[in-house]
């Protein structure tokens, strides 16, 4: 408990594992671009809350929870925007993603510019300041991992079936919309929590890269989840060790 980097290593590793498992579904559904947009929208939500409340992330747990609420609201609002646009006939999904990334990036910069107390805080957030993870943050990440793990075990077949063939799932009595909603809820909540603790770059990197690598070499879907988690774990822990010795930010090194 008194190890200086305990929270940073365990918290960052938890987010990396969480994202790597959900990332397999993201890649299977060809929603990788959504993984680009949602972390950026989450960061914009946090920056907006810092500006509106005048609080910095380090000022206490109240400010932390308010910022987390901003992250959740912005993430789910962006997810709803993308899903509605995706269902409209004749509108490519890339249009909504491109618009959302541009607007979210601009909003993040502008919120920081008009909030003189938030510049350093947002800079730390955007690069993934793992050393700021507290024991309470660690409990939140652990609870999210337990929830995602339980739902993954309970509904893994339904989630995979609706990811591959929603029409067939409907014919055998499954409800694709119900499992789509479950997956998007897990995805949105995990991204919002992850961005709050490790930053948008780390979340996006571990959502996409381990899953892409695992699906290239895995002999089956079940092994793809295990491989993705293994790649994420090795990358994060190895990246943290390299970053410690080279005096570099641990999150970007883990992604690289």
C-alpha atoms as a PDB file:
ATOM      1  CA  UNK A   1       0.000   0.000   0.000  1.00  0.00           C
ATOM      2  CA  UNK A   2       2.867   2.443   0.557  1.00  0.00           C
ATOM      3  CA  UNK A   3       4.462   1.708  -2.844  1.00  0.00           C
ATOM      4  CA  UNK A   4       4.676   5.060  -4.656  1.00  0.00           C
ATOM      5  CA  UNK A   5       3.510   3.788  -8.052  1.00  0.00           C
ATOM      6  CA  UNK A   6       0.935   1.256  -6.855  1.00  0.00           C
ATOM      7  CA  UNK A   7      -2.153   3.238  -7.881  1.00  0.00           C
ATOM      8  CA  UNK A   8      -0.603   4.328 -11.180  1.00  0.00           C
ATOM      9  CA  UNK A   9       0.323   0.788 -12.198  1.00  0.00           C
ATOM     10  CA  UNK A  10      -2.847  -0.951 -11.023  1.00  0.00           C
ATOM     11  CA  UNK A  11      -5.186   1.806 -12.226  1.00  0.00           C
ATOM     12  CA  UNK A  12      -3.544   2.151 -15.630  1.00  0.00           C
ATOM     13  CA  UNK A  13      -3.392  -1.614 -16.057  1.00  0.00           C
ATOM     14  CA  UNK A  14      -7.078  -1.910 -15.154  1.00  0.00           C
ATOM     15  CA  UNK A  15      -8.081   0.663 -17.768  1.00  0.00           C
ATOM     16  CA  UNK A  16      -5.848  -0.984 -20.368  1.00  0.00           C
ATOM     17  CA  UNK A  17      -7.405  -4.421 -19.761  1.00  0.00           C
ATOM     18  CA  UNK A  18     -10.926  -2.989 -19.726  1.00  0.00           C
ATOM     19  CA  UNK A  19     -10.406  -1.165 -23.016  1.00  0.00           C
ATOM     20  CA  UNK A  20      -8.665  -4.111 -24.691  1.00  0.00           C
ATOM     21  CA  UNK A  21     -11.624  -6.461 -24.096  1.00  0.00           C
ATOM     22  CA  UNK A  22     -14.276  -3.952 -25.187  1.00  0.00           C
ATOM     23  CA  UNK A  23     -12.075  -3.014 -28.129  1.00  0.00           C
ATOM     24  CA  UNK A  24     -12.542  -6.470 -29.665  1.00  0.00           C
ATOM     25  CA  UNK A  25     -16.274  -5.777 -29.983  1.00  0.00           C
ATOM     26  CA  UNK A  26     -15.507  -2.321 -31.348  1.00  0.00           C
ATOM     27  CA  UNK A  27     -13.288  -3.754 -34.083  1.00  0.00           C
ATOM     28  CA  UNK A  28     -15.681  -6.627 -34.884  1.00  0.00           C
ATOM     29  CA  UNK A  29     -18.511  -4.139 -35.385  1.00  0.00           C
ATOM     30  CA  UNK A  30     -16.272  -1.865 -37.490  1.00  0.00           C
ATOM     31  CA  UNK A  31     -16.748   0.986 -35.064  1.00  0.00           C
ATOM     32  CA  UNK A  32     -13.078   1.867 -34.646  1.00  0.00           C
ATOM     33  CA  UNK A  33     -13.742   5.482 -35.605  1.00  0.00           C
ATOM     34  CA  UNK A  34     -16.169   5.790 -32.706  1.00  0.00           C
ATOM     35  CA  UNK A  35     -13.220   4.867 -30.493  1.00  0.00           C
ATOM     36  CA  UNK A  36     -11.473   7.968 -31.851  1.00  0.00           C
ATOM     37  CA  UNK A  37     -14.323  10.365 -31.202  1.00  0.00           C
ATOM     38  CA  UNK A  38     -15.654   9.326 -27.786  1.00  0.00           C
ATOM     39  CA  UNK A  39     -12.447   9.860 -25.756  1.00  0.00           C
ATOM     40  CA  UNK A  40     -12.063  13.314 -27.285  1.00  0.00           C
ATOM     41  CA  UNK A  41     -15.682  14.165 -26.464  1.00  0.00           C
ATOM     42  CA  UNK A  42     -15.104  12.939 -22.914  1.00  0.00           C
ATOM     43  CA  UNK A  43     -12.085  15.233 -22.548  1.00  0.00           C
ATOM     44  CA  UNK A  44     -14.165  18.156 -23.814  1.00  0.00           C
ATOM     45  CA  UNK A  45     -16.817  17.375 -21.202  1.00  0.00           C
ATOM     46  CA  UNK A  46     -14.225  17.413 -18.414  1.00  0.00           C
ATOM     47  CA  UNK A  47     -12.721  20.688 -19.652  1.00  0.00           C
ATOM     48  CA  UNK A  48     -16.198  22.206 -19.858  1.00  0.00           C
ATOM     49  CA  UNK A  49     -16.964  21.226 -16.264  1.00  0.00           C
ATOM     50  CA  UNK A  50     -13.642  22.685 -15.066  1.00  0.00           C
ATOM     51  CA  UNK A  51     -14.553  25.951 -16.782  1.00  0.00           C
ATOM     52  CA  UNK A  52     -18.160  26.075 -15.565  1.00  0.00           C
ATOM     53  CA  UNK A  53     -17.384  25.239 -11.933  1.00  0.00           C
ATOM     54  CA  UNK A  54     -14.021  26.954 -11.625  1.00  0.00           C
ATOM     55  CA  UNK A  55     -12.664  23.859  -9.874  1.00  0.00           C
ATOM     56  CA  UNK A  56      -9.430  22.063 -10.573  1.00  0.00           C
ATOM     57  CA  UNK A  57      -9.205  18.287 -10.498  1.00  0.00           C
ATOM     58  CA  UNK A  58      -6.812  18.357  -7.545  1.00  0.00           C
ATOM     59  CA  UNK A  59      -9.056  20.424  -5.262  1.00  0.00           C
ATOM     60  CA  UNK A  60     -10.904  17.480  -3.765  1.00  0.00           C
ATOM     61  CA  UNK A  61     -13.226  14.590  -4.347  1.00  0.00           C
ATOM     62  CA  UNK A  62     -16.247  16.838  -5.030  1.00  0.00           C
ATOM     63  CA  UNK A  63     -14.528  18.398  -8.025  1.00  0.00           C
ATOM     64  CA  UNK A  64     -13.432  14.955  -9.133  1.00  0.00           C
ATOM     65  CA  UNK A  65     -16.981  13.572  -9.114  1.00  0.00           C
ATOM     66  CA  UNK A  66     -18.329  16.645 -10.898  1.00  0.00           C
ATOM     67  CA  UNK A  67     -15.682  16.237 -13.590  1.00  0.00           C
ATOM     68  CA  UNK A  68     -16.511  12.538 -13.899  1.00  0.00           C
ATOM     69  CA  UNK A  69     -20.166  13.464 -14.352  1.00  0.00           C
ATOM     70  CA  UNK A  70     -19.158  15.862 -17.128  1.00  0.00           C
ATOM     71  CA  UNK A  71     -17.153  13.114 -18.765  1.00  0.00           C
ATOM     72  CA  UNK A  72     -20.097  10.684 -18.617  1.00  0.00           C
ATOM     73  CA  UNK A  73     -22.610  13.205 -19.968  1.00  0.00           C
ATOM     74  CA  UNK A  74     -20.364  14.276 -22.847  1.00  0.00           C
ATOM     75  CA  UNK A  75     -19.474  10.680 -23.751  1.00  0.00           C
ATOM     76  CA  UNK A  76     -23.044   9.414 -23.863  1.00  0.00           C
ATOM     77  CA  UNK A  77     -24.255  12.533 -25.686  1.00  0.00           C
ATOM     78  CA  UNK A  78     -21.559  12.004 -28.315  1.00  0.00           C
ATOM     79  CA  UNK A  79     -22.418   8.307 -28.549  1.00  0.00           C
ATOM     80  CA  UNK A  80     -26.091   9.120 -29.088  1.00  0.00           C
ATOM     81  CA  UNK A  81     -25.167  11.663 -31.771  1.00  0.00           C
ATOM     82  CA  UNK A  82     -23.032   9.118 -33.631  1.00  0.00           C
ATOM     83  CA  UNK A  83     -25.571   6.297 -33.388  1.00  0.00           C
ATOM     84  CA  UNK A  84     -28.444   8.463 -34.593  1.00  0.00           C
ATOM     85  CA  UNK A  85     -26.351   9.687 -37.514  1.00  0.00           C
ATOM     86  CA  UNK A  86     -25.248   6.145 -38.306  1.00  0.00           C
ATOM     87  CA  UNK A  87     -28.857   4.948 -38.621  1.00  0.00           C
ATOM     88  CA  UNK A  88     -29.821   7.677 -41.051  1.00  0.00           C
ATOM     89  CA  UNK A  89     -29.847   6.375 -44.594  1.00  0.00           C
ATOM     90  CA  UNK A  90     -27.347   7.873 -46.977  1.00  0.00           C
ATOM     91  CA  UNK A  91     -25.129   9.463 -44.313  1.00  0.00           C
ATOM     92  CA  UNK A  92     -21.678   7.830 -44.000  1.00  0.00           C
ATOM     93  CA  UNK A  93     -20.563   7.179 -40.421  1.00  0.00           C
ATOM     94  CA  UNK A  94     -17.289   9.021 -41.076  1.00  0.00           C
ATOM     95  CA  UNK A  95     -19.184  12.300 -41.435  1.00  0.00           C
ATOM     96  CA  UNK A  96     -20.432  12.295 -37.873  1.00  0.00           C
ATOM     97  CA  UNK A  97     -17.107  11.093 -36.474  1.00  0.00           C
ATOM     98  CA  UNK A  98     -15.173  13.791 -38.314  1.00  0.00           C
ATOM     99  CA  UNK A  99     -17.545  16.514 -37.143  1.00  0.00           C
ATOM    100  CA  UNK A 100     -17.492  15.271 -33.555  1.00  0.00           C
ATOM    101  CA  UNK A 101     -13.683  15.025 -33.370  1.00  0.00           C
ATOM    102  CA  UNK A 102     -13.236  18.532 -34.804  1.00  0.00           C
ATOM    103  CA  UNK A 103     -15.838  20.126 -32.527  1.00  0.00           C
ATOM    104  CA  UNK A 104     -14.667  18.255 -29.408  1.00  0.00           C
ATOM    105  CA  UNK A 105     -11.009  19.112 -30.016  1.00  0.00           C
ATOM    106  CA  UNK A 106     -11.823  22.779 -30.559  1.00  0.00           C
ATOM    107  CA  UNK A 107     -14.083  22.867 -27.495  1.00  0.00           C
ATOM    108  CA  UNK A 108     -11.393  21.315 -25.288  1.00  0.00           C
ATOM    109  CA  UNK A 109      -8.815  23.911 -26.336  1.00  0.00           C
ATOM    110  CA  UNK A 110     -11.265  26.803 -25.931  1.00  0.00           C
ATOM    111  CA  UNK A 111     -12.441  25.685 -22.490  1.00  0.00           C
ATOM    112  CA  UNK A 112      -8.810  25.532 -21.360  1.00  0.00           C
ATOM    113  CA  UNK A 113      -8.085  28.937 -22.920  1.00  0.00           C
ATOM    114  CA  UNK A 114     -10.906  30.691 -21.038  1.00  0.00           C
ATOM    115  CA  UNK A 115     -10.161  28.926 -17.740  1.00  0.00           C
ATOM    116  CA  UNK A 116      -6.804  30.213 -16.430  1.00  0.00           C
ATOM    117  CA  UNK A 117      -6.781  27.704 -13.551  1.00  0.00           C
ATOM    118  CA  UNK A 118      -7.377  24.674 -15.777  1.00  0.00           C
ATOM    119  CA  UNK A 119      -4.410  24.842 -18.133  1.00  0.00           C
ATOM    120  CA  UNK A 120      -2.026  22.633 -16.159  1.00  0.00           C
ATOM    121  CA  UNK A 121      -4.813  20.298 -15.074  1.00  0.00           C
ATOM    122  CA  UNK A 122      -6.039  19.650 -18.609  1.00  0.00           C
ATOM    123  CA  UNK A 123      -2.481  19.257 -19.901  1.00  0.00           C
ATOM    124  CA  UNK A 124      -1.932  16.505 -17.341  1.00  0.00           C
ATOM    125  CA  UNK A 125      -5.263  14.909 -18.241  1.00  0.00           C
ATOM    126  CA  UNK A 126      -4.651  14.915 -21.998  1.00  0.00           C
ATOM    127  CA  UNK A 127      -1.259  13.230 -21.684  1.00  0.00           C
ATOM    128  CA  UNK A 128      -2.527  10.770 -19.072  1.00  0.00           C
ATOM    129  CA  UNK A 129      -1.177  11.662 -15.640  1.00  0.00           C
ATOM    130  CA  UNK A 130      -1.215   8.213 -14.054  1.00  0.00           C
ATOM    131  CA  UNK A 131       0.387   9.390 -10.817  1.00  0.00           C
ATOM    132  CA  UNK A 132      -2.777  11.377 -10.035  1.00  0.00           C
ATOM    133  CA  UNK A 133      -4.833   8.176  -9.623  1.00  0.00           C
ATOM    134  CA  UNK A 134      -6.066   7.947  -6.036  1.00  0.00           C
ATOM    135  CA  UNK A 135      -7.117   4.941  -3.965  1.00  0.00           C
ATOM    136  CA  UNK A 136     -10.765   5.907  -4.558  1.00  0.00           C
ATOM    137  CA  UNK A 137     -10.152   6.044  -8.315  1.00  0.00           C
ATOM    138  CA  UNK A 138      -8.617   2.582  -8.048  1.00  0.00           C
ATOM    139  CA  UNK A 139     -11.769   1.257  -6.398  1.00  0.00           C
ATOM    140  CA  UNK A 140     -13.884   2.771  -9.168  1.00  0.00           C
ATOM    141  CA  UNK A 141     -11.755   1.145 -11.859  1.00  0.00           C
ATOM    142  CA  UNK A 142     -11.922  -2.182 -10.023  1.00  0.00           C
ATOM    143  CA  UNK A 143     -15.708  -1.956  -9.760  1.00  0.00           C
ATOM    144  CA  UNK A 144     -15.968  -1.195 -13.487  1.00  0.00           C
ATOM    145  CA  UNK A 145     -13.762  -4.180 -14.298  1.00  0.00           C
ATOM    146  CA  UNK A 146     -15.897  -6.458 -12.112  1.00  0.00           C
ATOM    147  CA  UNK A 147     -19.120  -5.221 -13.730  1.00  0.00           C
ATOM    148  CA  UNK A 148     -17.824  -5.557 -17.289  1.00  0.00           C
ATOM    149  CA  UNK A 149     -16.368  -8.971 -16.505  1.00  0.00           C
ATOM    150  CA  UNK A 150     -19.645 -10.250 -15.041  1.00  0.00           C
ATOM    151  CA  UNK A 151     -21.734  -8.975 -17.962  1.00  0.00           C
ATOM    152  CA  UNK A 152     -19.180 -10.319 -20.427  1.00  0.00           C
ATOM    153  CA  UNK A 153     -19.475 -13.816 -18.930  1.00  0.00           C
ATOM    154  CA  UNK A 154     -23.277 -13.677 -18.747  1.00  0.00           C
ATOM    155  CA  UNK A 155     -23.960 -12.271 -22.222  1.00  0.00           C
ATOM    156  CA  UNK A 156     -20.859 -13.065 -24.277  1.00  0.00           C
ATOM    157  CA  UNK A 157     -22.734 -15.273 -26.763  1.00  0.00           C
ATOM    158  CA  UNK A 158     -25.518 -12.754 -27.315  1.00  0.00           C
ATOM    159  CA  UNK A 159     -23.058  -9.889 -27.738  1.00  0.00           C
ATOM    160  CA  UNK A 160     -21.005 -11.831 -30.275  1.00  0.00           C
ATOM    161  CA  UNK A 161     -24.075 -13.015 -32.165  1.00  0.00           C
ATOM    162  CA  UNK A 162     -25.520  -9.519 -32.476  1.00  0.00           C
ATOM    163  CA  UNK A 163     -22.089  -8.227 -33.494  1.00  0.00           C
ATOM    164  CA  UNK A 164     -21.757 -10.745 -36.351  1.00  0.00           C
ATOM    165  CA  UNK A 165     -25.321 -11.335 -37.551  1.00  0.00           C
ATOM    166  CA  UNK A 166     -28.097  -9.231 -35.960  1.00  0.00           C
ATOM    167  CA  UNK A 167     -30.708 -10.533 -38.410  1.00  0.00           C
ATOM    168  CA  UNK A 168     -30.067 -14.158 -37.432  1.00  0.00           C
ATOM    169  CA  UNK A 169     -30.095 -13.152 -33.760  1.00  0.00           C
ATOM    170  CA  UNK A 170     -33.539 -11.636 -34.285  1.00  0.00           C
ATOM    171  CA  UNK A 171     -34.904 -14.770 -35.953  1.00  0.00           C
ATOM    172  CA  UNK A 172     -33.930 -16.997 -33.017  1.00  0.00           C
ATOM    173  CA  UNK A 173     -35.601 -14.753 -30.459  1.00  0.00           C
ATOM    174  CA  UNK A 174     -32.745 -12.532 -29.397  1.00  0.00           C
ATOM    175  CA  UNK A 175     -33.207  -8.762 -29.336  1.00  0.00           C
ATOM    176  CA  UNK A 176     -30.215  -7.048 -30.981  1.00  0.00           C
ATOM    177  CA  UNK A 177     -31.249  -3.589 -29.781  1.00  0.00           C
ATOM    178  CA  UNK A 178     -31.150  -4.742 -26.170  1.00  0.00           C
ATOM    179  CA  UNK A 179     -27.621  -6.111 -26.472  1.00  0.00           C
ATOM    180  CA  UNK A 180     -26.504  -3.145 -28.552  1.00  0.00           C
ATOM    181  CA  UNK A 181     -27.677  -0.884 -25.723  1.00  0.00           C
ATOM    182  CA  UNK A 182     -25.804  -3.013 -23.179  1.00  0.00           C
ATOM    183  CA  UNK A 183     -22.569  -2.890 -25.181  1.00  0.00           C
ATOM    184  CA  UNK A 184     -22.800   0.847 -25.798  1.00  0.00           C
ATOM    185  CA  UNK A 185     -23.509   1.485 -22.119  1.00  0.00           C
ATOM    186  CA  UNK A 186     -20.427  -0.514 -21.125  1.00  0.00           C
ATOM    187  CA  UNK A 187     -18.364   1.206 -23.791  1.00  0.00           C
ATOM    188  CA  UNK A 188     -19.492   4.723 -22.898  1.00  0.00           C
ATOM    189  CA  UNK A 189     -19.064   4.233 -19.166  1.00  0.00           C
ATOM    190  CA  UNK A 190     -15.620   2.650 -19.523  1.00  0.00           C
ATOM    191  CA  UNK A 191     -14.392   5.396 -21.860  1.00  0.00           C
ATOM    192  CA  UNK A 192     -15.640   8.159 -19.549  1.00  0.00           C
ATOM    193  CA  UNK A 193     -14.017   6.527 -16.510  1.00  0.00           C
ATOM    194  CA  UNK A 194     -10.819   5.782 -18.423  1.00  0.00           C
ATOM    195  CA  UNK A 195     -10.396   9.304 -19.804  1.00  0.00           C
ATOM    196  CA  UNK A 196     -10.925  10.740 -16.326  1.00  0.00           C
ATOM    197  CA  UNK A 197      -8.066   8.612 -14.963  1.00  0.00           C
ATOM    198  CA  UNK A 198      -5.553   8.055 -17.776  1.00  0.00           C
ATOM    199  CA  UNK A 199      -6.463  10.486 -20.573  1.00  0.00           C
ATOM    200  CA  UNK A 200      -8.017  10.151 -24.050  1.00  0.00           C
ATOM    201  CA  UNK A 201      -4.863   9.026 -25.877  1.00  0.00           C
ATOM    202  CA  UNK A 202      -4.327   6.033 -23.599  1.00  0.00           C
ATOM    203  CA  UNK A 203      -8.001   5.047 -23.785  1.00  0.00           C
ATOM    204  CA  UNK A 204      -8.104   5.219 -27.576  1.00  0.00           C
ATOM    205  CA  UNK A 205      -4.774   3.415 -27.952  1.00  0.00           C
ATOM    206  CA  UNK A 206      -5.768   0.483 -25.774  1.00  0.00           C
ATOM    207  CA  UNK A 207      -9.262   0.310 -27.256  1.00  0.00           C
ATOM    208  CA  UNK A 208      -7.901  -0.232 -30.754  1.00  0.00           C
ATOM    209  CA  UNK A 209      -4.323  -1.504 -30.932  1.00  0.00           C
ATOM    210  CA  UNK A 210      -4.504  -4.690 -28.783  1.00  0.00           C
ATOM    211  CA  UNK A 211      -7.745  -5.760 -30.465  1.00  0.00           C
ATOM    212  CA  UNK A 212      -6.369  -5.189 -33.975  1.00  0.00           C
ATOM    213  CA  UNK A 213      -3.237  -7.181 -33.150  1.00  0.00           C
ATOM    214  CA  UNK A 214      -5.136  -9.995 -31.446  1.00  0.00           C
ATOM    215  CA  UNK A 215      -7.655 -10.452 -34.275  1.00  0.00           C
ATOM    216  CA  UNK A 216      -4.784 -10.752 -36.756  1.00  0.00           C
ATOM    217  CA  UNK A 217      -3.190 -13.709 -34.980  1.00  0.00           C
ATOM    218  CA  UNK A 218      -5.928 -15.326 -32.864  1.00  0.00           C
ATOM    219  CA  UNK A 219      -7.175 -18.746 -34.039  1.00  0.00           C
ATOM    220  CA  UNK A 220     -10.684 -17.970 -32.752  1.00  0.00           C
ATOM    221  CA  UNK A 221     -12.844 -15.326 -31.129  1.00  0.00           C
ATOM    222  CA  UNK A 222     -12.447 -16.629 -27.583  1.00  0.00           C
ATOM    223  CA  UNK A 223      -8.664 -16.552 -27.860  1.00  0.00           C
ATOM    224  CA  UNK A 224      -8.846 -13.061 -29.391  1.00  0.00           C
ATOM    225  CA  UNK A 225     -10.184 -11.650 -26.118  1.00  0.00           C
ATOM    226  CA  UNK A 226      -7.433 -13.340 -24.114  1.00  0.00           C
ATOM    227  CA  UNK A 227      -4.740 -12.250 -26.564  1.00  0.00           C
ATOM    228  CA  UNK A 228      -6.000  -8.674 -26.623  1.00  0.00           C
ATOM    229  CA  UNK A 229      -5.909  -8.487 -22.822  1.00  0.00           C
ATOM    230  CA  UNK A 230      -2.458 -10.099 -22.759  1.00  0.00           C
ATOM    231  CA  UNK A 231      -1.054  -7.670 -25.325  1.00  0.00           C
ATOM    232  CA  UNK A 232      -2.543  -4.725 -23.408  1.00  0.00           C
ATOM    233  CA  UNK A 233      -1.123  -5.933 -20.092  1.00  0.00           C
ATOM    234  CA  UNK A 234       2.391  -6.529 -21.421  1.00  0.00           C
ATOM    235  CA  UNK A 235       2.364  -3.229 -23.323  1.00  0.00           C
ATOM    236  CA  UNK A 236       1.257  -1.191 -20.339  1.00  0.00           C
ATOM    237  CA  UNK A 237       3.568  -2.747 -17.752  1.00  0.00           C
ATOM    238  CA  UNK A 238       6.501  -2.777 -20.173  1.00  0.00           C
ATOM    239  CA  UNK A 239       5.748   0.792 -21.196  1.00  0.00           C
ATOM    240  CA  UNK A 240       5.608   1.894 -17.571  1.00  0.00           C
ATOM    241  CA  UNK A 241       9.028   0.354 -16.912  1.00  0.00           C
ATOM    242  CA  UNK A 242      10.521   2.083 -19.967  1.00  0.00           C
ATOM    243  CA  UNK A 243       8.874   5.399 -19.074  1.00  0.00           C
ATOM    244  CA  UNK A 244      10.214   5.213 -15.512  1.00  0.00           C
ATOM    245  CA  UNK A 245      13.776   4.715 -16.690  1.00  0.00           C
ATOM    246  CA  UNK A 246      13.568   7.269 -19.516  1.00  0.00           C
ATOM    247  CA  UNK A 247      11.619   9.873 -17.479  1.00  0.00           C
ATOM    248  CA  UNK A 248       8.746  10.005 -19.991  1.00  0.00           C
ATOM    249  CA  UNK A 249       4.940  10.024 -19.613  1.00  0.00           C
ATOM    250  CA  UNK A 250       3.927   6.411 -18.977  1.00  0.00           C
ATOM    251  CA  UNK A 251       0.617   6.434 -20.864  1.00  0.00           C
ATOM    252  CA  UNK A 252       1.918   7.430 -24.316  1.00  0.00           C
ATOM    253  CA  UNK A 253       4.904   5.110 -23.936  1.00  0.00           C
ATOM    254  CA  UNK A 254       2.577   2.196 -23.190  1.00  0.00           C
ATOM    255  CA  UNK A 255       0.517   2.967 -26.284  1.00  0.00           C
ATOM    256  CA  UNK A 256       3.640   3.298 -28.429  1.00  0.00           C
END
